[in-house]
């Protein structure tokens, strides 16, 4: 299979990367290949061969004209700045330009030591590879901006973590692998020229509309802020917890990136944390919007010299953009939550009332530990008048009186809507999934694969997640919350 790669990143200069080849593995074997994504990228798979694909997606065999490299970047990790991180276990192969003028960066993750690995082995255990493949592709189907997975392979080798585990490599695709931390890397060096080169590179590839702006760097920053605000609003609407929102894990393109200790909530808890290393709860569910602003403030610090030659003016420009973040986030969050709740008709009066109504639902969910996904899915099936369908959502709450009282207010609000029950339900069901990659399901997939070399659970779960908004016959187990003994308390990044 031919992957036509080019590499404009090389033109930035050696200070932005180190050339690095993948380290070959002993016995690569293909787990999954994403034909749908390959088609979008314009790749020809007419002569697809799984054995050859395993060599390609393990890094044992590189595409023609590939000049692999690892990118340099810094990062604020749990609030503490590290001036040099870089791709410690990822190797950038280049970019693919699709027939419709799309541009896709391609990267191997878990392909061996790089110049930035420090004391790490540059490898990935199989579990994190399967998690990232499932969750990133599920996020795409949920219409959340994300990096995507093109392929996954086993390596035939073991990696040492707490125990020996089978190794894996994922090929992931993004509109950009540049991070907030990439700009911080050069800011820490006081290298304004490189910051400008990097900004020009990102603008040309990902923010073309700002090129003609009066102050293109300020407009670029404004659009980055807006993308991040909308992205995090979508995380919150999905019950998704990124887990490690360090600045080196925040894409400059506004895509979800680096699926380490990420998780979707089962029972709603606004303070939920899954990441084993987040012992202080810095990246808890409810903290994600404010952390987004904190990260963007770090980006502003790096970009300020580009906004104006006058430092005070430049800082004021940055402050004005950052001050708009909260309103942008709140608007995106409320719009999405109104769609999820069936409140489509908006006026100045009911916009404010809708926010209070939705927030009161979350409070009831929090107190009663109601399942996040199923609460909204069952809500999407209710009529304007009470019926026996109410019992499904009532069963999620310890105190059914609380949800019954809320439903009375919700139905009163529906009187302002002009859609029929059927029309409203179809609209709600288009944004409220029944299937998400729940933690216990992913854990079962990982255990089957790592312990028994069995990928049947992976394949079945992945297939279900490709159509998350529609009930599928015989797939009830994939919509249900975990039993007490199945609950996953902690998730891990896999390094």
Protein backbone atom coordinates (compact mmCIF):
# COMPACT_ATOMS: atom_id res chain seq x y z
CA UNK A 1 0.00 0.00 0.00
CA UNK A 2 1.46 3.30 -1.10
CA UNK A 3 1.33 6.26 1.32
CA UNK A 4 2.36 9.42 -0.55
CA UNK A 5 4.14 11.43 2.14
CA UNK A 6 5.65 14.88 2.10
CA UNK A 7 7.22 16.67 5.06
CA UNK A 8 6.94 20.46 5.26
CA UNK A 9 7.87 20.31 8.94
CA UNK A 10 11.47 19.63 7.92
CA UNK A 11 11.60 23.09 6.35
CA UNK A 12 11.30 24.71 9.80
CA UNK A 13 14.86 23.67 10.62
CA UNK A 14 16.68 21.23 12.84
CA UNK A 15 15.85 23.12 16.04
CA UNK A 16 12.26 21.92 15.74
CA UNK A 17 12.98 18.19 15.63
CA UNK A 18 15.50 15.39 15.61
CA UNK A 19 15.58 12.90 12.75
CA UNK A 20 14.67 9.52 14.13
CA UNK A 21 13.89 6.14 12.59
CA UNK A 22 11.52 3.65 14.20
CA UNK A 23 13.21 0.76 15.96
CA UNK A 24 12.24 -2.49 14.17
CA UNK A 25 10.24 -5.10 16.07
CA UNK A 26 10.59 -8.85 15.85
CA UNK A 27 7.18 -10.09 14.71
CA UNK A 28 4.67 -7.39 13.79
CA UNK A 29 1.09 -8.50 13.20
CA UNK A 30 -1.81 -6.33 12.06
CA UNK A 31 -4.73 -6.02 14.49
CA UNK A 32 -6.90 -3.56 12.60
CA UNK A 33 -6.72 -1.25 9.60
CA UNK A 34 -9.09 1.70 9.20
CA UNK A 35 -10.23 1.47 5.58
CA UNK A 36 -12.76 4.27 6.01
CA UNK A 37 -10.07 6.71 7.16
CA UNK A 38 -7.70 5.49 4.46
CA UNK A 39 -10.37 6.32 1.88
CA UNK A 40 -10.82 9.83 3.31
CA UNK A 41 -7.06 10.31 3.09
CA UNK A 42 -7.11 9.21 -0.55
CA UNK A 43 -4.98 6.12 0.05
CA UNK A 44 -5.32 3.29 -2.43
CA UNK A 45 -5.94 -0.06 -0.75
CA UNK A 46 -6.67 -2.06 -3.90
CA UNK A 47 -3.62 -4.22 -3.28
CA UNK A 48 -3.91 -4.27 0.51
CA UNK A 49 -1.97 -7.09 2.13
CA UNK A 50 -2.13 -7.53 5.91
CA UNK A 51 1.42 -8.88 6.20
CA UNK A 52 2.84 -5.92 4.28
CA UNK A 53 0.64 -3.55 6.27
CA UNK A 54 2.05 -4.97 9.50
CA UNK A 55 5.56 -4.10 8.32
CA UNK A 56 4.47 -0.60 7.32
CA UNK A 57 2.49 0.25 10.46
CA UNK A 58 5.13 -1.14 12.81
CA UNK A 59 7.84 1.02 11.27
CA UNK A 60 9.80 -2.02 10.08
CA UNK A 61 9.29 -0.80 6.52
CA UNK A 62 9.00 2.92 5.80
CA UNK A 63 7.00 4.50 2.98
CA UNK A 64 8.96 5.72 -0.03
CA UNK A 65 10.50 9.20 0.51
CA UNK A 66 9.66 9.10 4.24
CA UNK A 67 11.96 11.22 6.41
CA UNK A 68 10.88 10.31 9.96
CA UNK A 69 11.48 12.61 12.90
CA UNK A 70 10.53 13.28 16.49
CA UNK A 71 9.21 16.74 17.36
CA UNK A 72 10.55 18.99 20.09
CA UNK A 73 8.20 20.58 22.60
CA UNK A 74 7.95 21.62 26.22
CA UNK A 75 5.00 21.36 28.57
CA UNK A 76 3.40 22.43 31.81
CA UNK A 77 2.77 19.11 33.52
CA UNK A 78 0.33 19.36 36.42
CA UNK A 79 1.20 23.05 36.55
CA UNK A 80 4.98 22.58 36.61
CA UNK A 81 6.92 23.66 33.54
CA UNK A 82 9.31 21.22 31.88
CA UNK A 83 11.34 23.06 29.22
CA UNK A 84 12.09 19.99 27.12
CA UNK A 85 9.85 17.01 26.55
CA UNK A 86 9.36 16.12 22.88
CA UNK A 87 8.11 12.95 21.20
CA UNK A 88 9.41 10.32 23.58
CA UNK A 89 7.61 7.41 21.95
CA UNK A 90 6.15 8.84 18.76
CA UNK A 91 7.73 9.29 15.34
CA UNK A 92 6.30 11.63 12.73
CA UNK A 93 6.32 10.12 9.24
CA UNK A 94 5.01 13.11 7.29
CA UNK A 95 1.80 14.46 5.81
CA UNK A 96 -0.67 13.12 3.27
CA UNK A 97 -2.57 15.50 1.02
CA UNK A 98 -5.97 14.07 0.08
CA UNK A 99 -7.78 14.62 -3.25
CA UNK A 100 -10.16 17.12 -1.59
CA UNK A 101 -7.23 19.25 -0.37
CA UNK A 102 -7.29 17.84 3.15
CA UNK A 103 -3.99 17.47 4.96
CA UNK A 104 -3.30 14.61 7.36
CA UNK A 105 -0.24 14.25 9.58
CA UNK A 106 0.78 10.62 10.16
CA UNK A 107 2.60 9.38 13.24
CA UNK A 108 3.66 6.06 14.75
CA UNK A 109 3.23 5.83 18.52
CA UNK A 110 5.10 3.16 20.44
CA UNK A 111 7.75 2.70 17.75
CA UNK A 112 10.86 2.86 19.91
CA UNK A 113 13.30 5.25 21.54
CA UNK A 114 13.73 8.76 20.19
CA UNK A 115 16.04 11.64 20.97
CA UNK A 116 13.45 12.78 23.54
CA UNK A 117 12.79 9.47 25.29
CA UNK A 118 15.03 10.33 28.24
CA UNK A 119 15.02 7.10 30.27
CA UNK A 120 11.96 5.63 28.54
CA UNK A 121 11.90 2.75 26.09
CA UNK A 122 9.78 4.54 23.52
CA UNK A 123 7.43 1.59 23.39
CA UNK A 124 3.76 1.14 24.22
CA UNK A 125 2.02 -1.77 25.83
CA UNK A 126 -0.82 -3.25 23.80
CA UNK A 127 -3.50 -2.00 26.21
CA UNK A 128 -2.98 1.74 25.63
CA UNK A 129 -2.88 1.13 21.86
CA UNK A 130 -6.28 -0.57 21.94
CA UNK A 131 -7.68 2.12 24.25
CA UNK A 132 -6.54 4.95 21.96
CA UNK A 133 -7.82 3.21 18.85
CA UNK A 134 -11.26 2.56 20.34
CA UNK A 135 -11.72 5.92 22.06
CA UNK A 136 -10.35 8.15 19.31
CA UNK A 137 -12.51 6.47 16.66
CA UNK A 138 -15.51 6.58 19.00
CA UNK A 139 -14.93 10.31 19.51
CA UNK A 140 -14.95 10.78 15.75
CA UNK A 141 -18.30 9.02 15.49
CA UNK A 142 -19.59 11.21 18.33
CA UNK A 143 -18.64 14.24 16.19
CA UNK A 144 -15.98 15.49 18.62
CA UNK A 145 -12.80 16.86 16.93
CA UNK A 146 -10.06 14.31 17.46
CA UNK A 147 -6.93 12.65 16.21
CA UNK A 148 -7.81 9.38 14.54
CA UNK A 149 -6.43 5.85 14.30
CA UNK A 150 -5.33 4.44 10.95
CA UNK A 151 -3.94 1.10 12.15
CA UNK A 152 -2.78 -0.91 15.14
CA UNK A 153 -0.28 -3.76 15.30
CA UNK A 154 1.20 -6.10 17.85
CA UNK A 155 4.99 -6.20 17.94
CA UNK A 156 5.73 -9.77 18.98
CA UNK A 157 7.74 -8.33 21.87
CA UNK A 158 7.06 -7.51 25.49
CA UNK A 159 7.45 -4.17 27.25
CA UNK A 160 8.30 -3.77 30.92
CA UNK A 161 5.91 -1.71 33.00
CA UNK A 162 4.77 -2.96 36.41
CA UNK A 163 4.71 -6.34 34.70
CA UNK A 164 5.76 -7.59 31.28
CA UNK A 165 3.04 -6.84 28.74
CA UNK A 166 2.66 -7.47 25.00
CA UNK A 167 3.74 -4.51 22.91
CA UNK A 168 1.73 -2.59 20.36
CA UNK A 169 2.05 0.34 17.96
CA UNK A 170 -0.72 2.65 16.80
CA UNK A 171 -0.63 4.73 13.63
CA UNK A 172 -2.51 7.92 14.34
CA UNK A 173 -3.57 10.75 12.10
CA UNK A 174 -4.19 14.41 12.93
CA UNK A 175 -4.65 17.72 11.20
CA UNK A 176 -1.64 18.75 13.28
CA UNK A 177 0.60 17.32 15.99
CA UNK A 178 1.73 20.81 17.08
CA UNK A 179 0.88 21.47 20.72
CA UNK A 180 0.63 24.44 23.03
CA UNK A 181 3.86 23.08 24.49
CA UNK A 182 5.60 23.40 21.11
CA UNK A 183 5.28 27.18 21.35
CA UNK A 184 6.35 27.09 24.98
CA UNK A 185 9.53 25.25 23.97
CA UNK A 186 10.78 28.22 21.96
CA UNK A 187 9.38 30.82 24.34
CA UNK A 188 11.48 29.31 27.12
CA UNK A 189 14.54 29.89 24.94
CA UNK A 190 13.50 33.44 24.11
CA UNK A 191 13.52 32.39 20.45
CA UNK A 192 10.89 34.74 18.98
CA UNK A 193 12.02 34.04 15.41
CA UNK A 194 11.21 30.34 15.81
CA UNK A 195 7.87 31.13 17.46
CA UNK A 196 6.98 33.20 14.40
CA UNK A 197 8.11 30.44 12.01
CA UNK A 198 6.03 27.92 13.92
CA UNK A 199 2.98 30.21 13.94
CA UNK A 200 3.32 30.78 10.19
CA UNK A 201 3.53 27.01 9.63
CA UNK A 202 0.39 26.34 11.67
CA UNK A 203 -1.52 29.23 10.08
CA UNK A 204 -0.69 28.05 6.57
CA UNK A 205 -1.83 24.51 7.31
CA UNK A 206 -4.66 24.91 9.85
CA UNK A 207 -5.84 28.52 9.96
CA UNK A 208 -5.67 29.74 6.36
CA UNK A 209 -8.51 32.24 6.85
CA UNK A 210 -6.40 34.48 9.10
CA UNK A 211 -3.66 35.11 6.52
CA UNK A 212 -5.26 38.34 5.27
CA UNK A 213 -6.19 39.62 8.75
CA UNK A 214 -4.83 42.98 9.86
CA UNK A 215 -3.08 41.27 12.78
CA UNK A 216 -2.89 37.66 11.65
CA UNK A 217 -1.14 36.37 14.77
CA UNK A 218 -3.75 37.86 17.07
CA UNK A 219 -6.54 36.51 14.88
CA UNK A 220 -4.81 33.13 14.88
CA UNK A 221 -4.73 33.13 18.67
CA UNK A 222 -8.38 34.17 18.81
CA UNK A 223 -9.38 31.24 16.62
CA UNK A 224 -7.29 28.79 18.66
CA UNK A 225 -9.08 29.99 21.81
CA UNK A 226 -12.48 29.56 20.18
CA UNK A 227 -11.66 26.04 18.96
CA UNK A 228 -10.43 24.97 22.37
CA UNK A 229 -13.50 26.41 24.09
CA UNK A 230 -15.84 24.55 21.74
CA UNK A 231 -13.84 21.33 22.06
CA UNK A 232 -13.92 21.31 25.85
CA UNK A 233 -17.64 22.12 25.78
CA UNK A 234 -18.11 18.96 23.71
CA UNK A 235 -16.07 16.95 26.23
CA UNK A 236 -18.34 18.18 28.99
CA UNK A 237 -21.47 17.38 26.97
CA UNK A 238 -20.19 13.83 26.44
CA UNK A 239 -19.10 13.10 30.00
CA UNK A 240 -15.53 12.73 28.74
CA UNK A 241 -12.53 13.25 31.00
CA UNK A 242 -9.22 13.75 29.20
CA UNK A 243 -7.19 12.85 32.24
CA UNK A 244 -3.94 14.72 31.57
CA UNK A 245 -4.57 18.22 30.22
CA UNK A 246 -0.92 19.22 30.30
CA UNK A 247 0.01 21.86 27.73
CA UNK A 248 1.98 19.26 25.79
CA UNK A 249 -1.26 17.29 25.42
CA UNK A 250 -3.30 20.17 23.97
CA UNK A 251 -3.45 20.32 20.18
CA UNK A 252 -3.04 23.72 18.54
CA UNK A 253 -5.61 22.58 15.96
CA UNK A 254 -8.38 22.11 18.52
CA UNK A 255 -8.50 18.31 18.34
CA UNK A 256 -8.58 15.83 21.20
CA UNK A 257 -5.10 14.36 21.38
CA UNK A 258 -3.15 11.89 23.55
CA UNK A 259 -5.64 9.35 24.85
CA UNK A 260 -3.76 8.17 27.91
CA UNK A 261 -5.72 7.86 31.18
CA UNK A 262 -8.89 9.19 29.54
CA UNK A 263 -12.37 7.92 30.39
CA UNK A 264 -16.08 8.46 29.90
CA UNK A 265 -18.07 8.79 33.11
CA UNK A 266 -20.58 6.15 34.11
CA UNK A 267 -22.29 7.59 37.21
CA UNK A 268 -22.26 11.38 37.07
CA UNK A 269 -19.85 13.03 39.46
CA UNK A 270 -18.74 16.55 38.66
CA UNK A 271 -15.49 15.93 40.57
CA UNK A 272 -14.73 12.60 38.87
CA UNK A 273 -11.07 11.72 38.31
CA UNK A 274 -9.84 8.48 36.75
CA UNK A 275 -6.17 9.15 36.04
CA UNK A 276 -4.03 7.32 38.60
CA UNK A 277 -1.42 10.10 38.54
CA UNK A 278 -3.93 12.94 39.10
CA UNK A 279 -4.04 12.52 42.86
CA UNK A 280 -4.91 16.18 43.48
CA UNK A 281 -7.80 16.24 41.03
CA UNK A 282 -6.29 19.01 38.91
CA UNK A 283 -7.87 17.56 35.77
CA UNK A 284 -11.20 16.47 37.23
CA UNK A 285 -14.28 16.63 34.99
CA UNK A 286 -15.53 19.97 36.34
CA UNK A 287 -12.06 21.55 36.14
CA UNK A 288 -11.57 20.99 32.42
CA UNK A 289 -12.99 24.36 31.25
CA UNK A 290 -10.80 26.37 33.64
CA UNK A 291 -7.73 24.28 32.81
CA UNK A 292 -8.40 25.00 29.15
CA UNK A 293 -8.15 28.71 29.91
CA UNK A 294 -5.01 28.16 31.98
CA UNK A 295 -3.36 26.34 29.07
CA UNK A 296 -4.38 29.04 26.61
CA UNK A 297 -2.89 31.65 28.90
CA UNK A 298 0.42 29.80 28.62
CA UNK A 299 0.04 29.94 24.83
CA UNK A 300 -0.65 33.66 25.04
CA UNK A 301 2.58 34.16 26.97
CA UNK A 302 4.49 32.54 24.12
CA UNK A 303 2.70 34.45 21.35
CA UNK A 304 2.63 37.93 22.93
CA UNK A 305 5.78 39.15 21.10
CA UNK A 306 3.98 38.55 17.78
CA UNK A 307 0.92 40.65 18.63
CA UNK A 308 2.63 44.05 18.79
CA UNK A 309 6.06 45.64 19.10
CA UNK A 310 4.70 47.46 22.15
CA UNK A 311 4.68 45.01 25.05
CA UNK A 312 1.84 46.69 26.96
CA UNK A 313 -0.32 46.77 23.84
CA UNK A 314 0.48 43.13 23.06
CA UNK A 315 -0.44 42.02 26.58
CA UNK A 316 -3.71 43.94 26.41
CA UNK A 317 -4.52 42.26 23.08
CA UNK A 318 -3.87 38.85 24.63
CA UNK A 319 -5.93 39.67 27.70
CA UNK A 320 -8.92 40.74 25.59
CA UNK A 321 -8.90 37.43 23.70
CA UNK A 322 -8.55 35.38 26.87
CA UNK A 323 -11.37 37.34 28.49
CA UNK A 324 -13.66 36.15 25.68
CA UNK A 325 -12.94 32.46 26.40
CA UNK A 326 -15.53 31.99 29.13
CA UNK A 327 -18.40 33.44 27.08
CA UNK A 328 -17.38 31.33 24.07
CA UNK A 329 -17.27 28.19 26.20
CA UNK A 330 -20.57 28.94 27.95
CA UNK A 331 -22.30 29.60 24.63
CA UNK A 332 -21.01 26.37 23.09
CA UNK A 333 -21.84 24.36 26.21
CA UNK A 334 -25.37 25.71 26.50
CA UNK A 335 -26.11 25.27 22.80
CA UNK A 336 -25.00 21.64 22.92
CA UNK A 337 -26.83 20.93 26.16
CA UNK A 338 -30.03 22.47 24.84
CA UNK A 339 -29.81 20.15 21.84
CA UNK A 340 -29.25 17.17 24.14
CA UNK A 341 -32.24 18.20 26.25
CA UNK A 342 -34.61 18.87 23.36
CA UNK A 343 -34.83 22.61 23.97
CA UNK A 344 -34.42 23.82 20.42
CA UNK A 345 -36.55 26.98 20.43
CA UNK A 346 -34.42 29.76 21.90
CA UNK A 347 -35.42 33.22 23.12
CA UNK A 348 -33.72 35.69 25.44
CA UNK A 349 -36.00 34.57 28.27
CA UNK A 350 -35.78 30.81 27.98
CA UNK A 351 -32.05 30.82 27.22
CA UNK A 352 -31.33 31.87 30.82
CA UNK A 353 -34.05 29.60 32.17
CA UNK A 354 -32.76 26.68 30.10
CA UNK A 355 -29.32 26.96 31.68
CA UNK A 356 -30.86 26.80 35.16
CA UNK A 357 -33.03 23.84 34.14
CA UNK A 358 -30.09 21.90 32.73
CA UNK A 359 -27.83 22.69 35.69
CA UNK A 360 -30.56 21.50 38.07
CA UNK A 361 -30.64 18.18 36.20
CA UNK A 362 -26.91 17.79 36.66
CA UNK A 363 -27.28 18.50 40.37
CA UNK A 364 -29.92 15.77 40.68
CA UNK A 365 -27.71 13.41 38.66
CA UNK A 366 -24.75 14.19 40.92
CA UNK A 367 -26.67 13.56 44.15
CA UNK A 368 -28.21 10.35 42.79
CA UNK A 369 -25.12 9.12 40.92
CA UNK A 370 -27.21 8.65 37.79
CA UNK A 371 -25.52 7.29 34.70
CA UNK A 372 -24.49 10.22 32.46
CA UNK A 373 -25.04 8.65 29.05
CA UNK A 374 -28.22 6.73 29.82
CA UNK A 375 -29.87 9.72 31.53
CA UNK A 376 -29.80 11.70 28.30
CA UNK A 377 -30.50 8.71 26.09
CA UNK A 378 -33.67 7.83 28.03
CA UNK A 379 -34.64 11.50 28.16
CA UNK A 380 -34.50 11.54 24.36
CA UNK A 381 -37.21 8.86 24.23
CA UNK A 382 -39.79 10.60 26.43
CA UNK A 383 -43.01 12.23 25.25
CA UNK A 384 -44.43 15.58 26.29
CA UNK A 385 -46.94 13.66 28.38
CA UNK A 386 -45.88 11.17 31.08
CA UNK A 387 -45.94 7.52 30.03
CA UNK A 388 -44.51 4.14 30.99
CA UNK A 389 -41.29 5.20 29.22
CA UNK A 390 -40.58 7.40 32.24
CA UNK A 391 -39.69 4.28 34.24
CA UNK A 392 -36.42 3.87 32.32
CA UNK A 393 -34.99 7.21 33.41
CA UNK A 394 -36.53 6.92 36.89
CA UNK A 395 -34.63 3.68 37.41
CA UNK A 396 -31.31 5.52 37.13
CA UNK A 397 -32.00 7.67 40.20
CA UNK A 398 -31.97 6.57 43.84
CA UNK A 399 -34.65 9.18 44.51
CA UNK A 400 -37.18 8.98 41.68
CA UNK A 401 -39.19 11.85 43.20
CA UNK A 402 -36.32 14.23 42.36
CA UNK A 403 -36.24 13.31 38.69
CA UNK A 404 -40.04 13.27 38.52
CA UNK A 405 -40.15 16.86 39.78
CA UNK A 406 -37.53 17.86 37.24
CA UNK A 407 -39.45 16.18 34.41
CA UNK A 408 -42.51 18.26 35.28
CA UNK A 409 -40.48 21.45 34.73
CA UNK A 410 -38.91 20.03 31.57
CA UNK A 411 -42.29 19.19 30.09
CA UNK A 412 -43.57 22.64 30.91
CA UNK A 413 -40.63 24.04 28.98
CA UNK A 414 -41.44 21.75 26.03
CA UNK A 415 -44.71 23.65 25.61
CA UNK A 416 -42.60 26.40 23.99
CA UNK A 417 -41.35 23.96 21.36
CA UNK A 418 -42.98 23.64 17.95
CA UNK A 419 -41.67 20.18 17.05
CA UNK A 420 -43.79 17.09 17.48
CA UNK A 421 -42.66 14.46 19.97
CA UNK A 422 -41.30 12.31 17.15
CA UNK A 423 -39.39 15.19 15.55
CA UNK A 424 -37.89 16.28 18.86
CA UNK A 425 -36.96 12.73 19.82
CA UNK A 426 -35.20 12.14 16.51
CA UNK A 427 -33.27 15.38 16.97
CA UNK A 428 -32.27 14.48 20.52
CA UNK A 429 -31.29 10.93 19.60
CA UNK A 430 -28.95 12.31 16.94
CA UNK A 431 -26.79 13.88 19.67
CA UNK A 432 -27.35 11.53 22.63
CA UNK A 433 -25.44 8.26 22.18
CA UNK A 434 -26.54 4.97 23.62
CA UNK A 435 -23.07 3.45 23.23
CA UNK A 436 -19.81 4.94 24.50
CA UNK A 437 -16.43 3.24 25.13
CA UNK A 438 -17.09 2.55 28.79
CA UNK A 439 -14.12 1.83 31.04
CA UNK A 440 -15.13 -1.71 31.97
CA UNK A 441 -15.69 -2.63 28.33
CA UNK A 442 -12.25 -1.36 27.35
CA UNK A 443 -10.71 -3.22 30.28
CA UNK A 444 -12.36 -6.45 29.11
CA UNK A 445 -10.98 -5.85 25.61
CA UNK A 446 -7.48 -5.27 26.97
CA UNK A 447 -7.53 -8.33 29.20
CA UNK A 448 -8.68 -10.60 26.38
CA UNK A 449 -6.02 -9.22 24.03
CA UNK A 450 -3.08 -9.07 26.43
CA UNK A 451 -3.82 -12.27 28.34
CA UNK A 452 -5.16 -14.50 25.57
CA UNK A 453 -4.24 -12.84 22.27
CA UNK A 454 -8.00 -12.64 21.64
CA UNK A 455 -9.18 -9.61 19.64
CA UNK A 456 -12.79 -10.67 19.18
CA UNK A 457 -14.01 -8.37 21.98
CA UNK A 458 -12.03 -5.48 20.48
CA UNK A 459 -13.56 -6.05 17.06
CA UNK A 460 -17.11 -6.33 18.40
CA UNK A 461 -16.88 -3.25 20.63
CA UNK A 462 -15.29 -1.23 17.83
CA UNK A 463 -18.09 -2.24 15.46
CA UNK A 464 -20.78 -1.21 17.96
CA UNK A 465 -19.10 2.16 18.53
CA UNK A 466 -19.21 2.92 14.82
CA UNK A 467 -22.96 3.56 15.14
CA UNK A 468 -23.31 5.04 18.64
CA UNK A 469 -26.67 6.78 18.31
CA UNK A 470 -28.83 3.82 17.26
CA UNK A 471 -29.93 0.83 19.34
CA UNK A 472 -28.41 -2.33 17.88
CA UNK A 473 -30.06 -5.72 18.22
CA UNK A 474 -28.36 -8.04 20.69
CA UNK A 475 -25.93 -5.38 21.92
CA UNK A 476 -27.58 -4.45 25.22
CA UNK A 477 -24.44 -5.28 27.20
CA UNK A 478 -22.61 -2.45 25.46
CA UNK A 479 -25.06 0.19 26.68
CA UNK A 480 -25.19 -0.89 30.31
CA UNK A 481 -23.13 0.57 33.16
CA UNK A 482 -20.67 -1.73 34.92
CA UNK A 483 -21.68 -4.08 37.68
CA UNK A 484 -20.03 -3.20 41.03
CA UNK A 485 -17.25 -5.73 40.48
CA UNK A 486 -16.58 -4.32 36.98
CA UNK A 487 -16.09 -0.69 37.98
CA UNK A 488 -12.74 0.74 36.87
CA UNK A 489 -11.43 3.15 39.49
CA UNK A 490 -8.15 4.16 37.85
CA UNK A 491 -6.78 4.58 34.35
CA UNK A 492 -3.13 4.77 33.32
CA UNK A 493 -1.15 6.53 30.59
CA UNK A 494 0.93 3.48 29.63
CA UNK A 495 4.37 5.11 29.67
